[in-house]
């Protein structure tokens, strides 16, 4: 089972991403949740206990703590959690900076859920249904 947590300060996008990923995975082997801040992500990971099969998908630009700062906290406190970064600012700098800081992948927004799901199939050792 893969536990996916979307982190974005735009509630409409969270609902959309959550619904789309749930639909494409058909609810098989994937549990999708969403929070609207980096701090809520940290609290969620701490409260839920972290599985080896966990993925945080975070926007970069958020108030209070951005996605790259969240990445650092997750790496330190929850090293088994994989992190994908996404941003509406798809520049070579953002892609390189995200990877250099330890993000497993970078996605441009709006997210292409099929591309995201294909990445998950590559990155997690589960027999996930094809997209």
C-alpha atoms as a PDB file:
ATOM      1  CA  UNK A   1       0.000   0.000   0.000  1.00  0.00           C
ATOM      2  CA  UNK A   2       1.330   3.440  -0.942  1.00  0.00           C
ATOM      3  CA  UNK A   3       0.227   6.368   1.204  1.00  0.00           C
ATOM      4  CA  UNK A   4       0.242   9.569  -0.853  1.00  0.00           C
ATOM      5  CA  UNK A   5      -0.072  12.992   0.743  1.00  0.00           C
ATOM      6  CA  UNK A   6      -0.624  16.043  -1.481  1.00  0.00           C
ATOM      7  CA  UNK A   7       0.519  19.359   0.036  1.00  0.00           C
ATOM      8  CA  UNK A   8      -0.658  22.591  -1.572  1.00  0.00           C
ATOM      9  CA  UNK A   9      -2.127  25.846  -0.280  1.00  0.00           C
ATOM     10  CA  UNK A  10      -4.790  25.859  -3.020  1.00  0.00           C
ATOM     11  CA  UNK A  11      -7.766  23.803  -1.746  1.00  0.00           C
ATOM     12  CA  UNK A  12      -9.378  23.413  -5.178  1.00  0.00           C
ATOM     13  CA  UNK A  13      -6.185  21.915  -6.604  1.00  0.00           C
ATOM     14  CA  UNK A  14      -5.892  19.556  -3.641  1.00  0.00           C
ATOM     15  CA  UNK A  15      -9.403  18.226  -4.212  1.00  0.00           C
ATOM     16  CA  UNK A  16      -8.755  17.851  -7.931  1.00  0.00           C
ATOM     17  CA  UNK A  17      -5.397  16.056  -7.516  1.00  0.00           C
ATOM     18  CA  UNK A  18      -6.798  13.792  -4.816  1.00  0.00           C
ATOM     19  CA  UNK A  19      -9.837  12.836  -6.922  1.00  0.00           C
ATOM     20  CA  UNK A  20      -7.806  12.318 -10.104  1.00  0.00           C
ATOM     21  CA  UNK A  21      -5.163  10.125  -8.480  1.00  0.00           C
ATOM     22  CA  UNK A  22      -7.805   8.088  -6.668  1.00  0.00           C
ATOM     23  CA  UNK A  23      -9.603   7.584  -9.985  1.00  0.00           C
ATOM     24  CA  UNK A  24      -6.509   6.562 -11.968  1.00  0.00           C
ATOM     25  CA  UNK A  25      -5.372   4.107  -9.277  1.00  0.00           C
ATOM     26  CA  UNK A  26      -8.892   2.751  -8.883  1.00  0.00           C
ATOM     27  CA  UNK A  27      -8.237   2.767  -5.149  1.00  0.00           C
ATOM     28  CA  UNK A  28      -5.958  -0.257  -5.501  1.00  0.00           C
ATOM     29  CA  UNK A  29      -2.819  -0.221  -3.371  1.00  0.00           C
ATOM     30  CA  UNK A  30      -2.952   3.572  -2.992  1.00  0.00           C
ATOM     31  CA  UNK A  31      -4.433   5.756  -0.244  1.00  0.00           C
ATOM     32  CA  UNK A  32      -4.575   9.447  -1.161  1.00  0.00           C
ATOM     33  CA  UNK A  33      -4.870  12.284   1.362  1.00  0.00           C
ATOM     34  CA  UNK A  34      -4.323  16.033   1.166  1.00  0.00           C
ATOM     35  CA  UNK A  35      -3.331  18.888   3.471  1.00  0.00           C
ATOM     36  CA  UNK A  36      -3.077  22.622   2.821  1.00  0.00           C
ATOM     37  CA  UNK A  37       0.208  23.489   4.546  1.00  0.00           C
ATOM     38  CA  UNK A  38       3.687  22.167   5.183  1.00  0.00           C
ATOM     39  CA  UNK A  39       3.091  22.132   8.943  1.00  0.00           C
ATOM     40  CA  UNK A  40      -0.047  20.028   8.496  1.00  0.00           C
ATOM     41  CA  UNK A  41       2.021  17.611   6.413  1.00  0.00           C
ATOM     42  CA  UNK A  42       4.597  17.274   9.187  1.00  0.00           C
ATOM     43  CA  UNK A  43       1.845  16.806  11.777  1.00  0.00           C
ATOM     44  CA  UNK A  44       0.106  14.224   9.590  1.00  0.00           C
ATOM     45  CA  UNK A  45       3.287  12.195   9.097  1.00  0.00           C
ATOM     46  CA  UNK A  46       4.050  12.330  12.831  1.00  0.00           C
ATOM     47  CA  UNK A  47       0.496  11.441  13.894  1.00  0.00           C
ATOM     48  CA  UNK A  48      -0.136   8.678  11.368  1.00  0.00           C
ATOM     49  CA  UNK A  49       3.167   6.924  11.745  1.00  0.00           C
ATOM     50  CA  UNK A  50       5.128   6.609   8.560  1.00  0.00           C
ATOM     51  CA  UNK A  51       5.150   3.595   6.351  1.00  0.00           C
ATOM     52  CA  UNK A  52       8.015   2.673   4.080  1.00  0.00           C
ATOM     53  CA  UNK A  53       5.655   3.166   1.160  1.00  0.00           C
ATOM     54  CA  UNK A  54       4.883   6.841   1.660  1.00  0.00           C
ATOM     55  CA  UNK A  55       5.012   9.701  -0.808  1.00  0.00           C
ATOM     56  CA  UNK A  56       4.637  13.434  -0.243  1.00  0.00           C
ATOM     57  CA  UNK A  57       3.819  15.524  -3.311  1.00  0.00           C
ATOM     58  CA  UNK A  58       4.390  19.165  -2.413  1.00  0.00           C
ATOM     59  CA  UNK A  59       4.011  22.482  -4.143  1.00  0.00           C
ATOM     60  CA  UNK A  60       7.057  24.750  -3.820  1.00  0.00           C
ATOM     61  CA  UNK A  61       5.346  28.098  -3.253  1.00  0.00           C
ATOM     62  CA  UNK A  62       3.359  28.061  -0.019  1.00  0.00           C
ATOM     63  CA  UNK A  63       3.108  30.560   2.837  1.00  0.00           C
ATOM     64  CA  UNK A  64       4.948  30.002   6.130  1.00  0.00           C
ATOM     65  CA  UNK A  65       7.072  27.073   4.886  1.00  0.00           C
ATOM     66  CA  UNK A  66       7.746  26.378   1.222  1.00  0.00           C
ATOM     67  CA  UNK A  67       7.980  22.949  -0.350  1.00  0.00           C
ATOM     68  CA  UNK A  68      11.779  22.863  -0.355  1.00  0.00           C
ATOM     69  CA  UNK A  69      11.921  23.661   3.367  1.00  0.00           C
ATOM     70  CA  UNK A  70       9.328  20.927   3.896  1.00  0.00           C
ATOM     71  CA  UNK A  71      11.527  18.567   1.881  1.00  0.00           C
ATOM     72  CA  UNK A  72      14.402  19.186   4.311  1.00  0.00           C
ATOM     73  CA  UNK A  73      12.183  18.462   7.340  1.00  0.00           C
ATOM     74  CA  UNK A  74      10.807  15.282   5.782  1.00  0.00           C
ATOM     75  CA  UNK A  75      14.321  14.091   4.898  1.00  0.00           C
ATOM     76  CA  UNK A  76      15.475  14.643   8.473  1.00  0.00           C
ATOM     77  CA  UNK A  77      12.443  13.378  10.425  1.00  0.00           C
ATOM     78  CA  UNK A  78      10.984  10.824   8.007  1.00  0.00           C
ATOM     79  CA  UNK A  79      13.872   9.634   5.796  1.00  0.00           C
ATOM     80  CA  UNK A  80      11.895   6.699   4.404  1.00  0.00           C
ATOM     81  CA  UNK A  81       9.311   9.028   2.822  1.00  0.00           C
ATOM     82  CA  UNK A  82       9.813   9.862  -0.846  1.00  0.00           C
ATOM     83  CA  UNK A  83       9.133  13.454  -1.947  1.00  0.00           C
ATOM     84  CA  UNK A  84       8.036  14.770  -5.322  1.00  0.00           C
ATOM     85  CA  UNK A  85       8.036  18.541  -5.823  1.00  0.00           C
ATOM     86  CA  UNK A  86       5.638  20.373  -8.124  1.00  0.00           C
ATOM     87  CA  UNK A  87       5.430  23.995  -9.186  1.00  0.00           C
ATOM     88  CA  UNK A  88       3.695  26.298 -11.602  1.00  0.00           C
ATOM     89  CA  UNK A  89       7.153  27.776 -12.222  1.00  0.00           C
ATOM     90  CA  UNK A  90       8.668  25.119 -14.466  1.00  0.00           C
ATOM     91  CA  UNK A  91      12.166  26.459 -14.970  1.00  0.00           C
ATOM     92  CA  UNK A  92      15.495  24.647 -15.259  1.00  0.00           C
ATOM     93  CA  UNK A  93      16.479  26.325 -11.973  1.00  0.00           C
ATOM     94  CA  UNK A  94      13.440  24.970 -10.098  1.00  0.00           C
ATOM     95  CA  UNK A  95      13.942  21.472 -11.529  1.00  0.00           C
ATOM     96  CA  UNK A  96      17.657  21.366 -10.718  1.00  0.00           C
ATOM     97  CA  UNK A  97      17.279  22.989  -7.310  1.00  0.00           C
ATOM     98  CA  UNK A  98      14.544  20.532  -6.314  1.00  0.00           C
ATOM     99  CA  UNK A  99      16.614  17.525  -7.340  1.00  0.00           C
ATOM    100  CA  UNK A 100      19.804  18.927  -5.786  1.00  0.00           C
ATOM    101  CA  UNK A 101      17.974  19.283  -2.480  1.00  0.00           C
ATOM    102  CA  UNK A 102      16.795  15.685  -2.586  1.00  0.00           C
ATOM    103  CA  UNK A 103      13.414  15.619  -4.295  1.00  0.00           C
ATOM    104  CA  UNK A 104      12.923  12.351  -6.106  1.00  0.00           C
ATOM    105  CA  UNK A 105      11.063  14.018  -8.982  1.00  0.00           C
ATOM    106  CA  UNK A 106       9.843  17.418 -10.161  1.00  0.00           C
ATOM    107  CA  UNK A 107       6.502  17.970 -11.905  1.00  0.00           C
ATOM    108  CA  UNK A 108       5.154  21.100 -13.560  1.00  0.00           C
ATOM    109  CA  UNK A 109       1.698  22.302 -12.563  1.00  0.00           C
ATOM    110  CA  UNK A 110      -0.935  21.709 -13.552  1.00  0.00           C
ATOM    111  CA  UNK A 111      -0.053  18.120 -12.720  1.00  0.00           C
ATOM    112  CA  UNK A 112      -0.521  15.502 -15.376  1.00  0.00           C
ATOM    113  CA  UNK A 113      -1.898  12.709 -13.202  1.00  0.00           C
ATOM    114  CA  UNK A 114      -1.021  10.016 -15.747  1.00  0.00           C
ATOM    115  CA  UNK A 115       2.643  11.129 -15.715  1.00  0.00           C
ATOM    116  CA  UNK A 116       2.582  11.234 -11.927  1.00  0.00           C
ATOM    117  CA  UNK A 117       1.127   7.744 -11.731  1.00  0.00           C
ATOM    118  CA  UNK A 118       3.693   6.364 -14.203  1.00  0.00           C
ATOM    119  CA  UNK A 119       6.432   7.794 -11.974  1.00  0.00           C
ATOM    120  CA  UNK A 120       4.886   6.097  -8.947  1.00  0.00           C
ATOM    121  CA  UNK A 121       4.840   2.768 -10.815  1.00  0.00           C
ATOM    122  CA  UNK A 122       8.576   3.205 -11.496  1.00  0.00           C
ATOM    123  CA  UNK A 123       9.473   4.375  -7.980  1.00  0.00           C
ATOM    124  CA  UNK A 124       7.491   1.976  -5.793  1.00  0.00           C
ATOM    125  CA  UNK A 125       7.874  -1.822  -5.814  1.00  0.00           C
ATOM    126  CA  UNK A 126       4.174  -2.657  -6.005  1.00  0.00           C
ATOM    127  CA  UNK A 127       2.176  -4.245  -8.756  1.00  0.00           C
ATOM    128  CA  UNK A 128       0.099  -1.156  -9.491  1.00  0.00           C
ATOM    129  CA  UNK A 129      -2.549  -1.280 -12.202  1.00  0.00           C
ATOM    130  CA  UNK A 130      -1.505   0.358 -15.474  1.00  0.00           C
ATOM    131  CA  UNK A 131      -2.667   3.917 -16.088  1.00  0.00           C
END
